[in-house]
Amino acid sequence: MLYSGSCNCNRWQVEVDVTKPLGEFNPRICDCNYCQNNSSAIISDPNMVVYFVGGEITIYQNGDQLANFYCCDCCGDLLAVGCILNGQLRGAVNPNLLRNANQLGKPIKIQPRLLSADEKLERWGKLWGVISGV
């Protein structure tokens, strides 16, 4: 299933290729400082492939410097969060970019700040999909 969308200024276009409908995804709302200050959410699946096409990006890092937050340099929207795992950029996408975001399941809160660096990397390796174009 292919879902598409864009950031608020339309500088970045996104296509998310997943094997299940959006209704089976529960956006995860993180309690880290970045996510709380930028009202963002993420979805991911290990079989997901996310394609981005656009302009320039701004990259922020989280508190422990493991993950990158990829944001539109024009409107500031979070596009994705990710890191290199096994030589490949893997991550989670901001579901608010998608035109069909109203089909998503109920959001859930997560607390990755409570995990060690090794636990985060292990978890992300199991949950995150492939990111291309950022």
N, C-alpha and C. Protein backbone atom coordinates (compact mmCIF):
# COMPACT_ATOMS: atom_id res chain seq x y z
N MET A 1 0.84 -1.16 0.00
CA MET A 1 0.00 0.00 0.00
C MET A 1 0.89 1.23 0.00
N LEU A 2 0.55 2.17 -0.85
CA LEU A 2 1.35 3.38 -1.00
C LEU A 2 0.54 4.58 -0.54
N TYR A 3 1.12 5.35 0.39
CA TYR A 3 0.48 6.55 0.91
C TYR A 3 1.42 7.72 0.63
N SER A 4 0.85 8.88 0.32
CA SER A 4 1.69 10.03 0.00
C SER A 4 1.25 11.27 0.76
N GLY A 5 2.11 12.27 0.72
CA GLY A 5 1.82 13.52 1.40
C GLY A 5 2.98 14.48 1.23
N SER A 6 3.00 15.50 2.08
CA SER A 6 4.05 16.52 2.00
C SER A 6 4.13 17.28 3.32
N CYS A 7 5.20 18.04 3.44
CA CYS A 7 5.31 18.94 4.58
C CYS A 7 4.36 20.12 4.33
N ASN A 8 4.21 20.99 5.30
CA ASN A 8 3.26 22.11 5.19
C ASN A 8 3.55 23.06 4.04
N CYS A 9 4.81 23.28 3.72
CA CYS A 9 5.14 24.21 2.64
C CYS A 9 5.24 23.52 1.28
N ASN A 10 5.04 22.20 1.25
CA ASN A 10 5.12 21.39 0.03
C ASN A 10 6.51 21.30 -0.58
N ARG A 11 7.54 21.70 0.14
CA ARG A 11 8.90 21.58 -0.38
C ARG A 11 9.33 20.11 -0.43
N TRP A 12 8.85 19.32 0.54
CA TRP A 12 9.18 17.91 0.60
C TRP A 12 7.95 17.06 0.33
N GLN A 13 8.09 16.12 -0.58
CA GLN A 13 7.04 15.14 -0.88
C GLN A 13 7.48 13.81 -0.27
N VAL A 14 6.51 13.05 0.20
CA VAL A 14 6.82 11.77 0.81
C VAL A 14 5.89 10.70 0.27
N GLU A 15 6.44 9.51 0.07
CA GLU A 15 5.66 8.32 -0.24
C GLU A 15 6.08 7.24 0.74
N VAL A 16 5.08 6.61 1.35
CA VAL A 16 5.31 5.55 2.32
C VAL A 16 4.72 4.27 1.77
N ASP A 17 5.57 3.28 1.57
CA ASP A 17 5.16 1.98 1.04
C ASP A 17 5.14 0.99 2.21
N VAL A 18 3.94 0.51 2.54
CA VAL A 18 3.77 -0.41 3.67
C VAL A 18 2.92 -1.60 3.24
N THR A 19 2.98 -2.67 4.04
CA THR A 19 2.26 -3.89 3.71
C THR A 19 0.92 -4.00 4.43
N LYS A 20 0.56 -2.98 5.21
CA LYS A 20 -0.72 -3.02 5.92
C LYS A 20 -1.37 -1.64 5.86
N PRO A 21 -2.68 -1.57 6.07
CA PRO A 21 -3.37 -0.28 5.99
C PRO A 21 -2.98 0.66 7.14
N LEU A 22 -3.13 1.96 6.90
CA LEU A 22 -2.78 2.95 7.92
C LEU A 22 -3.52 2.74 9.23
N GLY A 23 -4.72 2.23 9.17
CA GLY A 23 -5.51 2.01 10.38
C GLY A 23 -4.85 1.05 11.36
N GLU A 24 -3.90 0.26 10.88
CA GLU A 24 -3.19 -0.67 11.76
C GLU A 24 -1.94 -0.05 12.39
N PHE A 25 -1.68 1.22 12.08
CA PHE A 25 -0.55 1.94 12.66
C PHE A 25 -1.05 2.86 13.76
N ASN A 26 -0.39 2.78 14.91
CA ASN A 26 -0.68 3.69 16.01
C ASN A 26 0.48 4.68 16.09
N PRO A 27 0.23 5.95 15.78
CA PRO A 27 1.32 6.92 15.89
C PRO A 27 1.90 6.90 17.29
N ARG A 28 3.23 6.91 17.35
CA ARG A 28 3.91 6.92 18.65
C ARG A 28 4.32 8.35 18.96
N ILE A 29 3.95 8.78 20.14
CA ILE A 29 4.28 10.13 20.59
C ILE A 29 5.34 10.01 21.66
N CYS A 30 6.51 10.50 21.36
CA CYS A 30 7.68 10.38 22.23
C CYS A 30 7.66 11.48 23.29
N ASP A 31 8.23 11.17 24.44
CA ASP A 31 8.28 12.17 25.51
C ASP A 31 9.63 12.90 25.59
N CYS A 32 10.47 12.77 24.55
CA CYS A 32 11.75 13.48 24.58
C CYS A 32 11.51 14.98 24.39
N ASN A 33 12.52 15.77 24.72
CA ASN A 33 12.39 17.23 24.62
C ASN A 33 12.07 17.68 23.21
N TYR A 34 12.74 17.10 22.21
CA TYR A 34 12.50 17.51 20.84
C TYR A 34 11.04 17.28 20.45
N CYS A 35 10.57 16.07 20.67
CA CYS A 35 9.20 15.72 20.25
C CYS A 35 8.14 16.53 21.02
N GLN A 36 8.38 16.76 22.29
CA GLN A 36 7.42 17.53 23.08
C GLN A 36 7.39 18.99 22.64
N ASN A 37 8.53 19.53 22.25
CA ASN A 37 8.59 20.93 21.81
C ASN A 37 8.15 21.13 20.37
N ASN A 38 8.07 20.05 19.60
CA ASN A 38 7.71 20.16 18.19
C ASN A 38 6.44 19.39 17.83
N SER A 39 5.70 18.98 18.80
CA SER A 39 4.44 18.24 18.66
C SER A 39 4.46 17.28 17.47
N SER A 40 5.32 16.30 17.55
CA SER A 40 5.46 15.34 16.47
C SER A 40 5.04 13.95 16.91
N ALA A 41 4.89 13.10 15.92
CA ALA A 41 4.58 11.68 16.14
C ALA A 41 5.33 10.91 15.06
N ILE A 42 5.44 9.60 15.24
CA ILE A 42 6.11 8.77 14.25
C ILE A 42 5.36 7.46 14.05
N ILE A 43 5.51 6.90 12.86
CA ILE A 43 5.05 5.53 12.60
C ILE A 43 6.19 4.81 11.90
N SER A 44 6.23 3.51 12.08
CA SER A 44 7.23 2.71 11.39
C SER A 44 6.81 1.26 11.35
N ASP A 45 7.50 0.54 10.51
CA ASP A 45 7.31 -0.89 10.35
C ASP A 45 8.61 -1.40 9.72
N PRO A 46 9.12 -2.54 10.14
CA PRO A 46 10.39 -3.00 9.57
C PRO A 46 10.32 -3.27 8.06
N ASN A 47 9.13 -3.46 7.51
CA ASN A 47 8.96 -3.69 6.07
C ASN A 47 8.63 -2.41 5.31
N MET A 48 8.55 -1.30 5.99
CA MET A 48 8.19 -0.02 5.39
C MET A 48 9.37 0.56 4.61
N VAL A 49 9.07 1.20 3.49
CA VAL A 49 10.06 1.96 2.74
C VAL A 49 9.48 3.36 2.55
N VAL A 50 10.28 4.37 2.94
CA VAL A 50 9.84 5.76 2.85
C VAL A 50 10.73 6.47 1.85
N TYR A 51 10.08 7.15 0.88
CA TYR A 51 10.79 7.88 -0.15
C TYR A 51 10.51 9.37 0.03
N PHE A 52 11.57 10.17 0.10
CA PHE A 52 11.44 11.61 0.19
C PHE A 52 12.04 12.24 -1.06
N VAL A 53 11.38 13.29 -1.55
CA VAL A 53 11.91 14.11 -2.64
C VAL A 53 11.66 15.56 -2.23
N GLY A 54 12.71 16.38 -2.28
CA GLY A 54 12.51 17.76 -1.89
C GLY A 54 13.76 18.59 -1.93
N GLY A 55 13.75 19.62 -1.10
CA GLY A 55 14.82 20.62 -1.07
C GLY A 55 15.88 20.29 -0.05
N GLU A 56 16.18 21.25 0.76
CA GLU A 56 17.21 21.11 1.79
C GLU A 56 16.56 20.68 3.10
N ILE A 57 17.38 20.05 3.93
CA ILE A 57 16.89 19.63 5.24
C ILE A 57 17.76 20.21 6.34
N THR A 58 17.17 20.26 7.51
CA THR A 58 17.90 20.59 8.72
C THR A 58 17.92 19.32 9.55
N ILE A 59 19.07 18.99 10.12
CA ILE A 59 19.20 17.77 10.90
C ILE A 59 19.52 18.13 12.35
N TYR A 60 18.71 17.60 13.25
CA TYR A 60 18.94 17.73 14.68
C TYR A 60 19.27 16.35 15.22
N GLN A 61 19.96 16.30 16.35
CA GLN A 61 20.21 15.02 17.00
C GLN A 61 19.52 15.00 18.34
N ASN A 62 19.17 13.79 18.78
CA ASN A 62 18.54 13.64 20.08
C ASN A 62 19.57 13.74 21.19
N GLY A 63 19.11 13.67 22.42
CA GLY A 63 19.98 13.86 23.57
C GLY A 63 21.19 12.96 23.62
N ASP A 64 21.06 11.71 23.22
CA ASP A 64 22.21 10.80 23.29
C ASP A 64 22.95 10.69 21.95
N GLN A 65 22.58 11.52 20.99
CA GLN A 65 23.26 11.62 19.69
C GLN A 65 23.17 10.34 18.86
N LEU A 66 22.18 9.51 19.09
CA LEU A 66 22.03 8.27 18.32
C LEU A 66 21.20 8.46 17.07
N ALA A 67 20.13 9.24 17.17
CA ALA A 67 19.19 9.40 16.06
C ALA A 67 19.24 10.81 15.51
N ASN A 68 18.95 10.94 14.23
CA ASN A 68 18.84 12.24 13.58
C ASN A 68 17.37 12.54 13.34
N PHE A 69 17.00 13.79 13.55
CA PHE A 69 15.67 14.28 13.22
C PHE A 69 15.82 15.08 11.94
N TYR A 70 15.16 14.64 10.86
CA TYR A 70 15.25 15.28 9.55
C TYR A 70 14.04 16.19 9.39
N CYS A 71 14.29 17.49 9.22
CA CYS A 71 13.22 18.48 9.16
C CYS A 71 13.34 19.32 7.89
N CYS A 72 12.21 19.76 7.38
CA CYS A 72 12.20 20.68 6.24
C CYS A 72 12.89 21.97 6.66
N ASP A 73 13.81 22.46 5.84
CA ASP A 73 14.52 23.68 6.19
C ASP A 73 13.67 24.93 5.98
N CYS A 74 12.52 24.78 5.36
CA CYS A 74 11.66 25.93 5.09
C CYS A 74 10.55 26.06 6.15
N CYS A 75 9.71 25.03 6.32
CA CYS A 75 8.59 25.11 7.27
C CYS A 75 8.92 24.50 8.63
N GLY A 76 10.01 23.74 8.70
CA GLY A 76 10.42 23.14 9.96
C GLY A 76 9.73 21.84 10.32
N ASP A 77 8.82 21.35 9.47
CA ASP A 77 8.13 20.09 9.77
C ASP A 77 9.12 18.94 9.93
N LEU A 78 8.89 18.10 10.94
CA LEU A 78 9.64 16.86 11.06
C LEU A 78 9.24 15.95 9.92
N LEU A 79 10.22 15.46 9.17
CA LEU A 79 9.96 14.52 8.09
C LEU A 79 10.11 13.09 8.61
N ALA A 80 11.22 12.84 9.28
CA ALA A 80 11.51 11.49 9.76
C ALA A 80 12.55 11.56 10.87
N VAL A 81 12.65 10.49 11.59
CA VAL A 81 13.74 10.29 12.55
C VAL A 81 14.44 9.01 12.13
N GLY A 82 15.77 9.00 12.18
CA GLY A 82 16.45 7.79 11.74
C GLY A 82 17.91 7.77 12.12
N CYS A 83 18.53 6.65 11.82
CA CYS A 83 19.97 6.48 12.01
C CYS A 83 20.44 5.32 11.13
N ILE A 84 21.74 5.26 10.96
CA ILE A 84 22.32 4.18 10.16
C ILE A 84 22.36 2.91 11.02
N LEU A 85 21.68 1.88 10.55
CA LEU A 85 21.67 0.57 11.21
C LEU A 85 22.10 -0.46 10.18
N ASN A 86 23.13 -1.21 10.48
CA ASN A 86 23.65 -2.22 9.54
C ASN A 86 23.93 -1.63 8.16
N GLY A 87 24.50 -0.41 8.15
CA GLY A 87 24.90 0.22 6.91
C GLY A 87 23.78 0.83 6.09
N GLN A 88 22.58 0.95 6.65
CA GLN A 88 21.43 1.45 5.92
C GLN A 88 20.69 2.48 6.76
N LEU A 89 20.22 3.57 6.13
CA LEU A 89 19.43 4.56 6.85
C LEU A 89 18.05 3.96 7.11
N ARG A 90 17.76 3.78 8.39
CA ARG A 90 16.46 3.22 8.80
C ARG A 90 15.81 4.24 9.72
N GLY A 91 14.48 4.24 9.74
CA GLY A 91 13.82 5.21 10.59
C GLY A 91 12.32 5.09 10.60
N ALA A 92 11.73 6.14 11.14
CA ALA A 92 10.28 6.26 11.28
C ALA A 92 9.86 7.60 10.67
N VAL A 93 8.68 7.62 10.11
CA VAL A 93 8.19 8.81 9.40
C VAL A 93 7.13 9.53 10.23
N ASN A 94 7.04 10.83 10.03
CA ASN A 94 6.00 11.64 10.66
C ASN A 94 4.68 11.38 9.92
N PRO A 95 3.71 10.73 10.56
CA PRO A 95 2.47 10.40 9.87
C PRO A 95 1.59 11.62 9.57
N ASN A 96 1.87 12.74 10.23
CA ASN A 96 1.09 13.95 9.99
C ASN A 96 1.34 14.52 8.60
N LEU A 97 2.37 14.05 7.92
CA LEU A 97 2.65 14.48 6.56
C LEU A 97 1.70 13.83 5.54
N LEU A 98 1.12 12.71 5.91
CA LEU A 98 0.33 11.92 4.96
C LEU A 98 -1.07 12.47 4.76
N ARG A 99 -1.53 12.44 3.51
CA ARG A 99 -2.89 12.92 3.19
C ARG A 99 -3.96 12.09 3.90
N ASN A 100 -3.70 10.82 4.14
CA ASN A 100 -4.67 9.93 4.76
C ASN A 100 -4.42 9.75 6.26
N ALA A 101 -3.79 10.72 6.90
CA ALA A 101 -3.43 10.59 8.32
C ALA A 101 -4.65 10.35 9.21
N ASN A 102 -5.83 10.77 8.75
CA ASN A 102 -7.05 10.55 9.55
C ASN A 102 -7.42 9.07 9.66
N GLN A 103 -6.78 8.22 8.87
CA GLN A 103 -7.05 6.78 8.92
C GLN A 103 -6.23 6.05 9.98
N LEU A 104 -5.26 6.74 10.56
CA LEU A 104 -4.36 6.11 11.54
C LEU A 104 -5.10 5.67 12.79
N GLY A 105 -4.52 4.68 13.47
CA GLY A 105 -5.06 4.22 14.74
C GLY A 105 -4.82 5.24 15.84
N LYS A 106 -5.22 4.87 17.04
CA LYS A 106 -5.11 5.75 18.20
C LYS A 106 -3.63 5.94 18.58
N PRO A 107 -3.20 7.19 18.82
CA PRO A 107 -1.82 7.44 19.21
C PRO A 107 -1.48 6.80 20.56
N ILE A 108 -0.22 6.40 20.69
CA ILE A 108 0.27 5.86 21.96
C ILE A 108 1.51 6.64 22.38
N LYS A 109 1.71 6.76 23.68
CA LYS A 109 2.88 7.47 24.20
C LYS A 109 4.02 6.47 24.42
N ILE A 110 5.22 6.92 24.11
CA ILE A 110 6.40 6.09 24.32
C ILE A 110 7.44 6.88 25.13
N GLN A 111 8.37 6.17 25.76
CA GLN A 111 9.40 6.80 26.58
C GLN A 111 10.78 6.23 26.27
N PRO A 112 11.30 6.50 25.08
CA PRO A 112 12.62 5.95 24.74
C PRO A 112 13.73 6.49 25.63
N ARG A 113 13.52 7.61 26.27
CA ARG A 113 14.56 8.18 27.15
C ARG A 113 14.88 7.25 28.32
N LEU A 114 13.98 6.31 28.60
CA LEU A 114 14.21 5.37 29.69
C LEU A 114 15.07 4.17 29.27
N LEU A 115 15.34 4.05 27.97
CA LEU A 115 16.14 2.94 27.45
C LEU A 115 17.61 3.33 27.36
N SER A 116 18.48 2.35 27.51
CA SER A 116 19.91 2.59 27.30
C SER A 116 20.15 2.75 25.80
N ALA A 117 21.34 3.23 25.45
CA ALA A 117 21.69 3.39 24.04
C ALA A 117 21.58 2.06 23.30
N ASP A 118 22.10 0.99 23.88
CA ASP A 118 22.03 -0.33 23.24
C ASP A 118 20.59 -0.79 23.08
N GLU A 119 19.75 -0.55 24.08
CA GLU A 119 18.34 -0.94 24.00
C GLU A 119 17.62 -0.16 22.90
N LYS A 120 17.94 1.13 22.77
CA LYS A 120 17.33 1.93 21.70
C LYS A 120 17.70 1.37 20.33
N LEU A 121 18.98 1.15 20.11
CA LEU A 121 19.42 0.65 18.82
C LEU A 121 18.80 -0.71 18.50
N GLU A 122 18.71 -1.57 19.48
CA GLU A 122 18.08 -2.88 19.27
C GLU A 122 16.60 -2.71 18.92
N ARG A 123 15.91 -1.86 19.64
CA ARG A 123 14.48 -1.62 19.39
C ARG A 123 14.26 -1.03 18.01
N TRP A 124 15.06 -0.01 17.67
CA TRP A 124 14.91 0.63 16.37
C TRP A 124 15.18 -0.37 15.24
N GLY A 125 16.14 -1.25 15.43
CA GLY A 125 16.44 -2.25 14.42
C GLY A 125 15.28 -3.17 14.14
N LYS A 126 14.42 -3.36 15.14
CA LYS A 126 13.25 -4.22 14.98
C LYS A 126 12.03 -3.48 14.46
N LEU A 127 11.98 -2.16 14.66
CA LEU A 127 10.76 -1.39 14.34
C LEU A 127 10.87 -0.50 13.11
N TRP A 128 12.04 -0.02 12.81
CA TRP A 128 12.18 1.02 11.78
C TRP A 128 12.32 0.44 10.39
N GLY A 129 11.80 1.21 9.40
CA GLY A 129 11.89 0.84 8.01
C GLY A 129 13.01 1.58 7.31
N VAL A 130 13.10 1.43 6.01
CA VAL A 130 14.13 2.04 5.18
C VAL A 130 13.70 3.45 4.79
N ILE A 131 14.63 4.39 4.92
CA ILE A 131 14.38 5.79 4.56
C ILE A 131 15.27 6.13 3.37
N SER A 132 14.70 6.78 2.37
CA SER A 132 15.46 7.15 1.17
C SER A 132 15.16 8.61 0.81
N GLY A 133 16.19 9.33 0.44
CA GLY A 133 16.00 10.68 -0.10
C GLY A 133 16.28 11.83 0.83
N VAL A 134 16.56 11.57 2.11
CA VAL A 134 16.90 12.68 3.01
C VAL A 134 18.40 12.75 3.20
